[in-house]
Amino acid sequence: MNIKEELLKEKIHTKAHAMEITNYACSSAARFKQLMDCFLSNEYRLAQRAAWSVSWAARAKPQLVKPYIKDLVAQLQRTDVHNAVIRNSVRVLEDIDIPEQFHGDVMNACFAFIERPSTPAAIKAFSLTTLQNLSAFYPEIKQELKLIVEERWNTETPAFKSRAKKILKEMTK
């Protein structure tokens, strides 16, 4: 299977097709690299479609994504990609152990996402969880996170409020 061709061949990208690509990519490091090359591509549609499969592959086989953590973190700074790329990058980062060298960049990006009103709700929700995870290493960010959540509360979506409520409850334990 040529992952790039598979991602682009259908007019509509379905969950079933994305899962087929995910399963294929998870079968070896070389195949996963093909998927990551698509995800990191400057081709807007290709990167968008690869994002879903990268997220599922990282959950199924987190060891495959470890060599690409630097690339995932770099994706958080991009403004020229589909929101799916950012969303799935943060989704992957919320589920893995992020190496310490990337903590600062990830925290900065996640705080920026939750502070920006125009950020899609899913990106904010995944950012909240990522920040909660990092607060185990940096307890001082808990107060900042709490302040931002309280400040944004009245203007946020139900998805943000639901995730924020759970995180604030966890942080007070």
N, C-alpha and C. Protein backbone atom coordinates (compact mmCIF):
# COMPACT_ATOMS: atom_id res chain seq x y z
N MET A 1 0.84 -1.19 0.00
CA MET A 1 0.00 0.00 0.00
C MET A 1 0.88 1.24 0.00
N ASN A 2 0.53 2.19 -0.83
CA ASN A 2 1.18 3.49 -0.83
C ASN A 2 0.27 4.40 -0.01
N ILE A 3 0.71 4.75 1.20
CA ILE A 3 -0.13 5.51 2.13
C ILE A 3 -0.56 6.84 1.54
N LYS A 4 0.34 7.55 0.89
CA LYS A 4 -0.01 8.84 0.30
C LYS A 4 -1.13 8.68 -0.72
N GLU A 5 -1.00 7.72 -1.60
CA GLU A 5 -2.05 7.48 -2.60
C GLU A 5 -3.37 7.10 -1.95
N GLU A 6 -3.30 6.26 -0.92
CA GLU A 6 -4.51 5.83 -0.22
C GLU A 6 -5.23 7.01 0.44
N LEU A 7 -4.45 7.89 1.04
CA LEU A 7 -5.05 9.04 1.73
C LEU A 7 -5.76 9.98 0.76
N LEU A 8 -5.25 10.06 -0.46
CA LEU A 8 -5.79 11.03 -1.41
C LEU A 8 -6.76 10.44 -2.45
N LYS A 9 -6.89 9.11 -2.50
CA LYS A 9 -7.63 8.51 -3.59
C LYS A 9 -9.14 8.71 -3.52
N GLU A 10 -9.72 8.75 -2.33
CA GLU A 10 -11.17 8.88 -2.19
C GLU A 10 -11.56 10.35 -2.09
N LYS A 11 -12.74 10.65 -2.60
CA LYS A 11 -13.24 12.02 -2.52
C LYS A 11 -13.54 12.39 -1.06
N ILE A 12 -14.10 11.42 -0.34
CA ILE A 12 -14.42 11.63 1.08
C ILE A 12 -13.58 10.66 1.90
N HIS A 13 -12.96 11.15 2.93
CA HIS A 13 -12.11 10.33 3.80
C HIS A 13 -12.97 9.78 4.93
N THR A 14 -13.20 8.48 4.94
CA THR A 14 -14.07 7.86 5.93
C THR A 14 -13.27 7.28 7.09
N LYS A 15 -13.97 7.03 8.18
CA LYS A 15 -13.34 6.41 9.34
C LYS A 15 -12.82 5.03 8.98
N ALA A 16 -13.60 4.26 8.25
CA ALA A 16 -13.18 2.91 7.88
C ALA A 16 -11.89 2.93 7.06
N HIS A 17 -11.80 3.86 6.13
CA HIS A 17 -10.59 3.98 5.31
C HIS A 17 -9.41 4.44 6.16
N ALA A 18 -9.66 5.38 7.05
CA ALA A 18 -8.59 5.87 7.93
C ALA A 18 -8.09 4.75 8.84
N MET A 19 -8.99 3.90 9.31
CA MET A 19 -8.58 2.78 10.17
C MET A 19 -7.77 1.74 9.38
N GLU A 20 -8.13 1.54 8.15
CA GLU A 20 -7.38 0.62 7.29
C GLU A 20 -5.94 1.12 7.14
N ILE A 21 -5.80 2.40 6.91
CA ILE A 21 -4.47 3.02 6.79
C ILE A 21 -3.73 2.93 8.13
N THR A 22 -4.44 3.17 9.22
CA THR A 22 -3.84 3.09 10.56
C THR A 22 -3.27 1.70 10.80
N ASN A 23 -4.07 0.69 10.54
CA ASN A 23 -3.64 -0.69 10.77
C ASN A 23 -2.41 -1.04 9.93
N TYR A 24 -2.42 -0.59 8.70
CA TYR A 24 -1.27 -0.83 7.82
C TYR A 24 -0.03 -0.11 8.38
N ALA A 25 -0.19 1.13 8.77
CA ALA A 25 0.94 1.93 9.27
C ALA A 25 1.50 1.36 10.57
N CYS A 26 0.64 0.76 11.38
CA CYS A 26 1.08 0.21 12.67
C CYS A 26 1.85 -1.10 12.52
N SER A 27 1.87 -1.65 11.34
CA SER A 27 2.50 -2.97 11.16
C SER A 27 4.03 -2.91 11.09
N SER A 28 4.60 -1.72 10.92
CA SER A 28 6.06 -1.60 10.94
C SER A 28 6.47 -0.14 11.10
N ALA A 29 7.68 0.05 11.58
CA ALA A 29 8.21 1.41 11.74
C ALA A 29 8.35 2.10 10.39
N ALA A 30 8.70 1.36 9.36
CA ALA A 30 8.86 1.95 8.02
C ALA A 30 7.51 2.44 7.49
N ARG A 31 6.48 1.67 7.72
CA ARG A 31 5.14 2.08 7.26
C ARG A 31 4.64 3.27 8.08
N PHE A 32 4.94 3.26 9.37
CA PHE A 32 4.53 4.40 10.19
C PHE A 32 5.26 5.66 9.73
N LYS A 33 6.50 5.51 9.32
CA LYS A 33 7.25 6.66 8.79
C LYS A 33 6.55 7.23 7.55
N GLN A 34 6.05 6.36 6.69
CA GLN A 34 5.29 6.83 5.51
C GLN A 34 4.11 7.68 5.94
N LEU A 35 3.40 7.20 6.96
CA LEU A 35 2.24 7.95 7.46
C LEU A 35 2.68 9.28 8.05
N MET A 36 3.74 9.28 8.83
CA MET A 36 4.23 10.53 9.42
C MET A 36 4.72 11.50 8.36
N ASP A 37 5.34 10.99 7.31
CA ASP A 37 5.77 11.86 6.21
C ASP A 37 4.56 12.57 5.59
N CYS A 38 3.45 11.87 5.48
CA CYS A 38 2.22 12.48 4.96
C CYS A 38 1.68 13.52 5.94
N PHE A 39 1.70 13.17 7.21
CA PHE A 39 1.20 14.07 8.26
C PHE A 39 2.03 15.34 8.34
N LEU A 40 3.32 15.23 8.13
CA LEU A 40 4.22 16.38 8.23
C LEU A 40 4.37 17.13 6.91
N SER A 41 3.66 16.68 5.91
CA SER A 41 3.73 17.26 4.58
C SER A 41 3.18 18.69 4.55
N ASN A 42 3.64 19.44 3.58
CA ASN A 42 3.09 20.78 3.36
C ASN A 42 1.85 20.74 2.47
N GLU A 43 1.49 19.55 2.02
CA GLU A 43 0.26 19.39 1.24
C GLU A 43 -0.91 19.39 2.22
N TYR A 44 -1.69 20.44 2.15
CA TYR A 44 -2.77 20.69 3.10
C TYR A 44 -3.70 19.49 3.27
N ARG A 45 -4.27 18.99 2.19
CA ARG A 45 -5.24 17.89 2.24
C ARG A 45 -4.58 16.59 2.71
N LEU A 46 -3.38 16.33 2.27
CA LEU A 46 -2.67 15.11 2.66
C LEU A 46 -2.42 15.10 4.17
N ALA A 47 -1.91 16.19 4.70
CA ALA A 47 -1.64 16.27 6.14
C ALA A 47 -2.93 16.15 6.94
N GLN A 48 -3.99 16.80 6.45
CA GLN A 48 -5.29 16.73 7.13
C GLN A 48 -5.78 15.29 7.23
N ARG A 49 -5.72 14.58 6.13
CA ARG A 49 -6.22 13.21 6.11
C ARG A 49 -5.33 12.25 6.89
N ALA A 50 -4.06 12.50 6.91
CA ALA A 50 -3.14 11.65 7.67
C ALA A 50 -3.31 11.82 9.18
N ALA A 51 -3.79 12.98 9.60
CA ALA A 51 -3.89 13.31 11.02
C ALA A 51 -4.71 12.30 11.82
N TRP A 52 -5.83 11.90 11.29
CA TRP A 52 -6.71 10.96 11.97
C TRP A 52 -5.99 9.63 12.21
N SER A 53 -5.34 9.13 11.17
CA SER A 53 -4.63 7.85 11.28
C SER A 53 -3.44 7.95 12.23
N VAL A 54 -2.75 9.08 12.23
CA VAL A 54 -1.63 9.26 13.16
C VAL A 54 -2.12 9.18 14.60
N SER A 55 -3.24 9.82 14.88
CA SER A 55 -3.79 9.81 16.23
C SER A 55 -4.11 8.39 16.69
N TRP A 56 -4.79 7.65 15.85
CA TRP A 56 -5.15 6.27 16.22
C TRP A 56 -3.92 5.38 16.30
N ALA A 57 -2.99 5.56 15.40
CA ALA A 57 -1.77 4.75 15.42
C ALA A 57 -0.97 5.01 16.69
N ALA A 58 -0.89 6.25 17.10
CA ALA A 58 -0.15 6.60 18.32
C ALA A 58 -0.80 5.99 19.55
N ARG A 59 -2.11 5.89 19.55
CA ARG A 59 -2.79 5.24 20.68
C ARG A 59 -2.58 3.74 20.66
N ALA A 60 -2.60 3.15 19.48
CA ALA A 60 -2.44 1.70 19.36
C ALA A 60 -1.00 1.27 19.63
N LYS A 61 -0.05 2.04 19.14
CA LYS A 61 1.37 1.69 19.27
C LYS A 61 2.18 2.94 19.59
N PRO A 62 2.11 3.40 20.84
CA PRO A 62 2.78 4.66 21.21
C PRO A 62 4.29 4.65 20.96
N GLN A 63 4.90 3.48 20.96
CA GLN A 63 6.35 3.42 20.73
C GLN A 63 6.71 3.89 19.33
N LEU A 64 5.79 3.77 18.39
CA LEU A 64 6.07 4.20 17.02
C LEU A 64 6.19 5.72 16.91
N VAL A 65 5.49 6.45 17.77
CA VAL A 65 5.47 7.91 17.66
C VAL A 65 6.65 8.57 18.38
N LYS A 66 7.31 7.83 19.25
CA LYS A 66 8.40 8.44 20.03
C LYS A 66 9.46 9.15 19.19
N PRO A 67 9.91 8.58 18.06
CA PRO A 67 10.92 9.30 17.27
C PRO A 67 10.40 10.59 16.62
N TYR A 68 9.09 10.81 16.67
CA TYR A 68 8.49 11.96 15.99
C TYR A 68 7.94 13.01 16.95
N ILE A 69 8.25 12.90 18.22
CA ILE A 69 7.71 13.86 19.19
C ILE A 69 8.15 15.28 18.85
N LYS A 70 9.40 15.44 18.48
CA LYS A 70 9.89 16.77 18.10
C LYS A 70 9.05 17.34 16.95
N ASP A 71 8.71 16.49 15.98
CA ASP A 71 7.89 16.92 14.85
C ASP A 71 6.47 17.28 15.28
N LEU A 72 5.91 16.51 16.19
CA LEU A 72 4.56 16.81 16.69
C LEU A 72 4.55 18.16 17.41
N VAL A 73 5.57 18.40 18.20
CA VAL A 73 5.66 19.68 18.92
C VAL A 73 5.81 20.83 17.92
N ALA A 74 6.60 20.62 16.89
CA ALA A 74 6.78 21.66 15.87
C ALA A 74 5.47 21.96 15.15
N GLN A 75 4.62 20.97 14.97
CA GLN A 75 3.33 21.17 14.31
C GLN A 75 2.46 22.18 15.08
N LEU A 76 2.63 22.23 16.39
CA LEU A 76 1.80 23.11 17.22
C LEU A 76 2.01 24.58 16.89
N GLN A 77 3.14 24.91 16.30
CA GLN A 77 3.46 26.30 15.97
C GLN A 77 2.98 26.72 14.59
N ARG A 78 2.55 25.74 13.80
CA ARG A 78 2.20 26.03 12.40
C ARG A 78 0.84 26.71 12.28
N THR A 79 0.76 27.62 11.36
CA THR A 79 -0.51 28.31 11.08
C THR A 79 -0.99 28.02 9.66
N ASP A 80 -0.20 27.23 8.93
CA ASP A 80 -0.50 26.95 7.53
C ASP A 80 -1.07 25.55 7.32
N VAL A 81 -1.54 24.93 8.40
CA VAL A 81 -2.07 23.57 8.30
C VAL A 81 -3.54 23.54 8.74
N HIS A 82 -4.21 22.49 8.34
CA HIS A 82 -5.60 22.28 8.73
C HIS A 82 -5.66 22.08 10.24
N ASN A 83 -6.76 22.50 10.86
CA ASN A 83 -6.92 22.32 12.31
C ASN A 83 -6.79 20.87 12.73
N ALA A 84 -7.09 19.93 11.83
CA ALA A 84 -6.96 18.51 12.15
C ALA A 84 -5.52 18.15 12.51
N VAL A 85 -4.56 18.80 11.89
CA VAL A 85 -3.15 18.53 12.17
C VAL A 85 -2.82 18.97 13.59
N ILE A 86 -3.24 20.16 13.96
CA ILE A 86 -3.00 20.66 15.31
C ILE A 86 -3.76 19.81 16.32
N ARG A 87 -5.03 19.58 16.06
CA ARG A 87 -5.88 18.81 16.97
C ARG A 87 -5.28 17.43 17.26
N ASN A 88 -4.88 16.73 16.22
CA ASN A 88 -4.36 15.39 16.42
C ASN A 88 -2.94 15.39 16.99
N SER A 89 -2.19 16.44 16.75
CA SER A 89 -0.87 16.55 17.41
C SER A 89 -1.05 16.68 18.91
N VAL A 90 -1.95 17.56 19.33
CA VAL A 90 -2.19 17.73 20.77
C VAL A 90 -2.83 16.47 21.35
N ARG A 91 -3.71 15.83 20.60
CA ARG A 91 -4.34 14.58 21.06
C ARG A 91 -3.27 13.52 21.34
N VAL A 92 -2.30 13.40 20.46
CA VAL A 92 -1.23 12.43 20.68
C VAL A 92 -0.41 12.83 21.90
N LEU A 93 -0.08 14.11 22.02
CA LEU A 93 0.75 14.57 23.13
C LEU A 93 0.07 14.41 24.48
N GLU A 94 -1.26 14.44 24.51
CA GLU A 94 -1.94 14.28 25.80
C GLU A 94 -1.85 12.84 26.30
N ASP A 95 -1.54 11.91 25.41
CA ASP A 95 -1.53 10.49 25.78
C ASP A 95 -0.14 9.88 25.96
N ILE A 96 0.91 10.67 25.75
CA ILE A 96 2.25 10.10 25.83
C ILE A 96 3.08 10.85 26.87
N ASP A 97 4.21 10.24 27.21
CA ASP A 97 5.17 10.91 28.08
C ASP A 97 6.03 11.81 27.20
N ILE A 98 5.87 13.09 27.39
CA ILE A 98 6.60 14.07 26.58
C ILE A 98 7.99 14.25 27.19
N PRO A 99 9.04 14.11 26.40
CA PRO A 99 10.39 14.33 26.93
C PRO A 99 10.53 15.75 27.49
N GLU A 100 11.28 15.87 28.55
CA GLU A 100 11.41 17.14 29.26
C GLU A 100 11.86 18.29 28.36
N GLN A 101 12.69 18.00 27.38
CA GLN A 101 13.21 19.07 26.51
C GLN A 101 12.10 19.77 25.74
N PHE A 102 10.91 19.15 25.63
CA PHE A 102 9.80 19.75 24.89
C PHE A 102 8.72 20.34 25.80
N HIS A 103 8.86 20.18 27.11
CA HIS A 103 7.83 20.65 28.02
C HIS A 103 7.49 22.12 27.84
N GLY A 104 8.51 22.96 27.76
CA GLY A 104 8.29 24.41 27.64
C GLY A 104 7.52 24.77 26.37
N ASP A 105 7.93 24.22 25.25
CA ASP A 105 7.26 24.51 23.98
C ASP A 105 5.81 24.02 23.99
N VAL A 106 5.60 22.84 24.56
CA VAL A 106 4.24 22.29 24.62
C VAL A 106 3.36 23.13 25.54
N MET A 107 3.89 23.50 26.69
CA MET A 107 3.10 24.34 27.61
C MET A 107 2.75 25.68 26.98
N ASN A 108 3.73 26.32 26.35
CA ASN A 108 3.47 27.61 25.70
C ASN A 108 2.38 27.49 24.64
N ALA A 109 2.48 26.45 23.82
CA ALA A 109 1.49 26.27 22.76
C ALA A 109 0.10 25.98 23.35
N CYS A 110 0.04 25.11 24.34
CA CYS A 110 -1.26 24.75 24.92
C CYS A 110 -1.90 25.93 25.65
N PHE A 111 -1.11 26.69 26.37
CA PHE A 111 -1.67 27.88 27.01
C PHE A 111 -2.18 28.86 25.96
N ALA A 112 -1.44 29.03 24.87
CA ALA A 112 -1.88 29.93 23.80
C ALA A 112 -3.19 29.43 23.19
N PHE A 113 -3.32 28.13 22.99
CA PHE A 113 -4.55 27.58 22.42
C PHE A 113 -5.75 27.85 23.32
N ILE A 114 -5.60 27.64 24.62
CA ILE A 114 -6.77 27.82 25.49
C ILE A 114 -7.09 29.30 25.73
N GLU A 115 -6.12 30.17 25.55
CA GLU A 115 -6.38 31.60 25.71
C GLU A 115 -7.01 32.23 24.48
N ARG A 116 -6.77 31.64 23.31
CA ARG A 116 -7.23 32.23 22.04
C ARG A 116 -8.69 31.85 21.80
N PRO A 117 -9.58 32.84 21.75
CA PRO A 117 -11.00 32.55 21.53
C PRO A 117 -11.29 31.78 20.24
N SER A 118 -10.49 31.97 19.22
CA SER A 118 -10.76 31.35 17.93
C SER A 118 -10.30 29.89 17.83
N THR A 119 -9.60 29.40 18.83
CA THR A 119 -9.13 28.01 18.80
C THR A 119 -10.33 27.07 18.88
N PRO A 120 -10.39 26.07 18.00
CA PRO A 120 -11.49 25.09 18.06
C PRO A 120 -11.54 24.37 19.41
N ALA A 121 -12.75 24.01 19.81
CA ALA A 121 -12.99 23.42 21.14
C ALA A 121 -12.16 22.16 21.39
N ALA A 122 -12.04 21.29 20.41
CA ALA A 122 -11.29 20.05 20.62
C ALA A 122 -9.82 20.32 20.91
N ILE A 123 -9.24 21.28 20.22
CA ILE A 123 -7.84 21.63 20.47
C ILE A 123 -7.70 22.17 21.89
N LYS A 124 -8.65 22.97 22.32
CA LYS A 124 -8.61 23.49 23.70
C LYS A 124 -8.74 22.36 24.71
N ALA A 125 -9.65 21.43 24.45
CA ALA A 125 -9.86 20.32 25.39
C ALA A 125 -8.60 19.47 25.52
N PHE A 126 -7.98 19.13 24.40
CA PHE A 126 -6.76 18.33 24.44
C PHE A 126 -5.62 19.12 25.09
N SER A 127 -5.61 20.42 24.88
CA SER A 127 -4.58 21.27 25.49
C SER A 127 -4.75 21.30 27.01
N LEU A 128 -5.98 21.36 27.47
CA LEU A 128 -6.23 21.34 28.91
C LEU A 128 -5.67 20.07 29.54
N THR A 129 -5.94 18.94 28.92
CA THR A 129 -5.45 17.67 29.46
C THR A 129 -3.93 17.60 29.41
N THR A 130 -3.35 18.07 28.33
CA THR A 130 -1.89 18.07 28.21
C THR A 130 -1.27 18.93 29.32
N LEU A 131 -1.86 20.09 29.56
CA LEU A 131 -1.36 20.95 30.63
C LEU A 131 -1.55 20.31 32.00
N GLN A 132 -2.66 19.64 32.19
CA GLN A 132 -2.87 18.93 33.46
C GLN A 132 -1.78 17.88 33.65
N ASN A 133 -1.47 17.14 32.60
CA ASN A 133 -0.42 16.12 32.69
C ASN A 133 0.93 16.75 33.04
N LEU A 134 1.22 17.88 32.41
CA LEU A 134 2.50 18.54 32.68
C LEU A 134 2.54 19.19 34.06
N SER A 135 1.38 19.46 34.64
CA SER A 135 1.36 20.06 35.98
C SER A 135 1.92 19.10 37.03
N ALA A 136 2.02 17.84 36.72
CA ALA A 136 2.66 16.89 37.64
C ALA A 136 4.15 17.22 37.78
N PHE A 137 4.75 17.76 36.72
CA PHE A 137 6.16 18.16 36.74
C PHE A 137 6.32 19.61 37.17
N TYR A 138 5.31 20.42 36.87
CA TYR A 138 5.37 21.85 37.13
C TYR A 138 4.09 22.28 37.87
N PRO A 139 4.02 22.00 39.16
CA PRO A 139 2.79 22.31 39.91
C PRO A 139 2.40 23.79 39.87
N GLU A 140 3.38 24.65 39.62
CA GLU A 140 3.11 26.08 39.59
C GLU A 140 2.19 26.48 38.43
N ILE A 141 2.05 25.65 37.41
CA ILE A 141 1.16 26.02 36.30
C ILE A 141 -0.31 25.77 36.63
N LYS A 142 -0.57 25.04 37.71
CA LYS A 142 -1.96 24.76 38.08
C LYS A 142 -2.74 26.05 38.32
N GLN A 143 -2.13 26.98 39.02
CA GLN A 143 -2.81 28.24 39.32
C GLN A 143 -3.07 29.04 38.04
N GLU A 144 -2.10 29.07 37.15
CA GLU A 144 -2.28 29.79 35.88
C GLU A 144 -3.39 29.14 35.06
N LEU A 145 -3.39 27.83 35.03
CA LEU A 145 -4.43 27.09 34.30
C LEU A 145 -5.81 27.39 34.88
N LYS A 146 -5.90 27.38 36.19
CA LYS A 146 -7.16 27.67 36.87
C LYS A 146 -7.64 29.09 36.55
N LEU A 147 -6.74 30.04 36.58
CA LEU A 147 -7.10 31.44 36.29
C LEU A 147 -7.61 31.60 34.85
N ILE A 148 -6.96 30.96 33.92
CA ILE A 148 -7.38 31.06 32.52
C ILE A 148 -8.75 30.42 32.33
N VAL A 149 -8.95 29.26 32.94
CA VAL A 149 -10.25 28.58 32.83
C VAL A 149 -11.35 29.48 33.40
N GLU A 150 -11.11 30.05 34.56
CA GLU A 150 -12.11 30.92 35.18
C GLU A 150 -12.38 32.16 34.32
N GLU A 151 -11.32 32.73 33.77
CA GLU A 151 -11.45 33.91 32.93
C GLU A 151 -12.24 33.63 31.65
N ARG A 152 -12.04 32.47 31.08
CA ARG A 152 -12.66 32.11 29.79
C ARG A 152 -14.03 31.45 29.97
N TRP A 153 -14.39 31.08 31.16
CA TRP A 153 -15.56 30.24 31.43
C TRP A 153 -16.84 30.69 30.73
N ASN A 154 -17.18 31.96 30.84
CA ASN A 154 -18.46 32.44 30.30
C ASN A 154 -18.52 32.51 28.78
N THR A 155 -17.39 32.42 28.14
CA THR A 155 -17.38 32.52 26.68
C THR A 155 -17.03 31.20 26.00
N GLU A 156 -16.89 30.15 26.78
CA GLU A 156 -16.44 28.87 26.22
C GLU A 156 -17.58 27.92 25.91
N THR A 157 -17.23 26.90 25.14
CA THR A 157 -18.18 25.88 24.70
C THR A 157 -18.43 24.86 25.81
N PRO A 158 -19.50 24.10 25.69
CA PRO A 158 -19.75 23.02 26.67
C PRO A 158 -18.60 22.00 26.72
N ALA A 159 -17.96 21.73 25.59
CA ALA A 159 -16.84 20.77 25.57
C ALA A 159 -15.69 21.29 26.43
N PHE A 160 -15.37 22.56 26.29
CA PHE A 160 -14.31 23.16 27.10
C PHE A 160 -14.68 23.09 28.58
N LYS A 161 -15.91 23.49 28.90
CA LYS A 161 -16.35 23.51 30.29
C LYS A 161 -16.32 22.12 30.91
N SER A 162 -16.74 21.14 30.17
CA SER A 162 -16.76 19.77 30.68
C SER A 162 -15.34 19.30 31.01
N ARG A 163 -14.44 19.49 30.07
CA ARG A 163 -13.05 19.07 30.29
C ARG A 163 -12.42 19.89 31.41
N ALA A 164 -12.65 21.18 31.41
CA ALA A 164 -12.07 22.06 32.43
C ALA A 164 -12.56 21.69 33.82
N LYS A 165 -13.84 21.39 33.94
CA LYS A 165 -14.41 21.02 35.24
C LYS A 165 -13.73 19.77 35.79
N LYS A 166 -13.53 18.78 34.95
CA LYS A 166 -12.87 17.54 35.38
C LYS A 166 -11.43 17.81 35.80
N ILE A 167 -10.75 18.64 35.04
CA ILE A 167 -9.35 18.93 35.34
C ILE A 167 -9.22 19.74 36.63
N LEU A 168 -10.07 20.72 36.82
CA LEU A 168 -10.02 21.51 38.05
C LEU A 168 -10.31 20.63 39.26
N LYS A 169 -11.24 19.71 39.10
CA LYS A 169 -11.55 18.79 40.20
C LYS A 169 -10.34 17.92 40.53
N GLU A 170 -9.67 17.40 39.51
CA GLU A 170 -8.49 16.57 39.70
C GLU A 170 -7.36 17.36 40.37
N MET A 171 -7.21 18.61 39.96
CA MET A 171 -6.11 19.42 40.49
C MET A 171 -6.29 19.78 41.95
N THR A 172 -7.52 19.78 42.43
CA THR A 172 -7.75 20.14 43.83
C THR A 172 -7.64 18.94 44.77
N LYS A 173 -7.44 17.76 44.22
CA LYS A 173 -7.29 16.56 45.07
C LYS A 173 -5.94 16.54 45.74
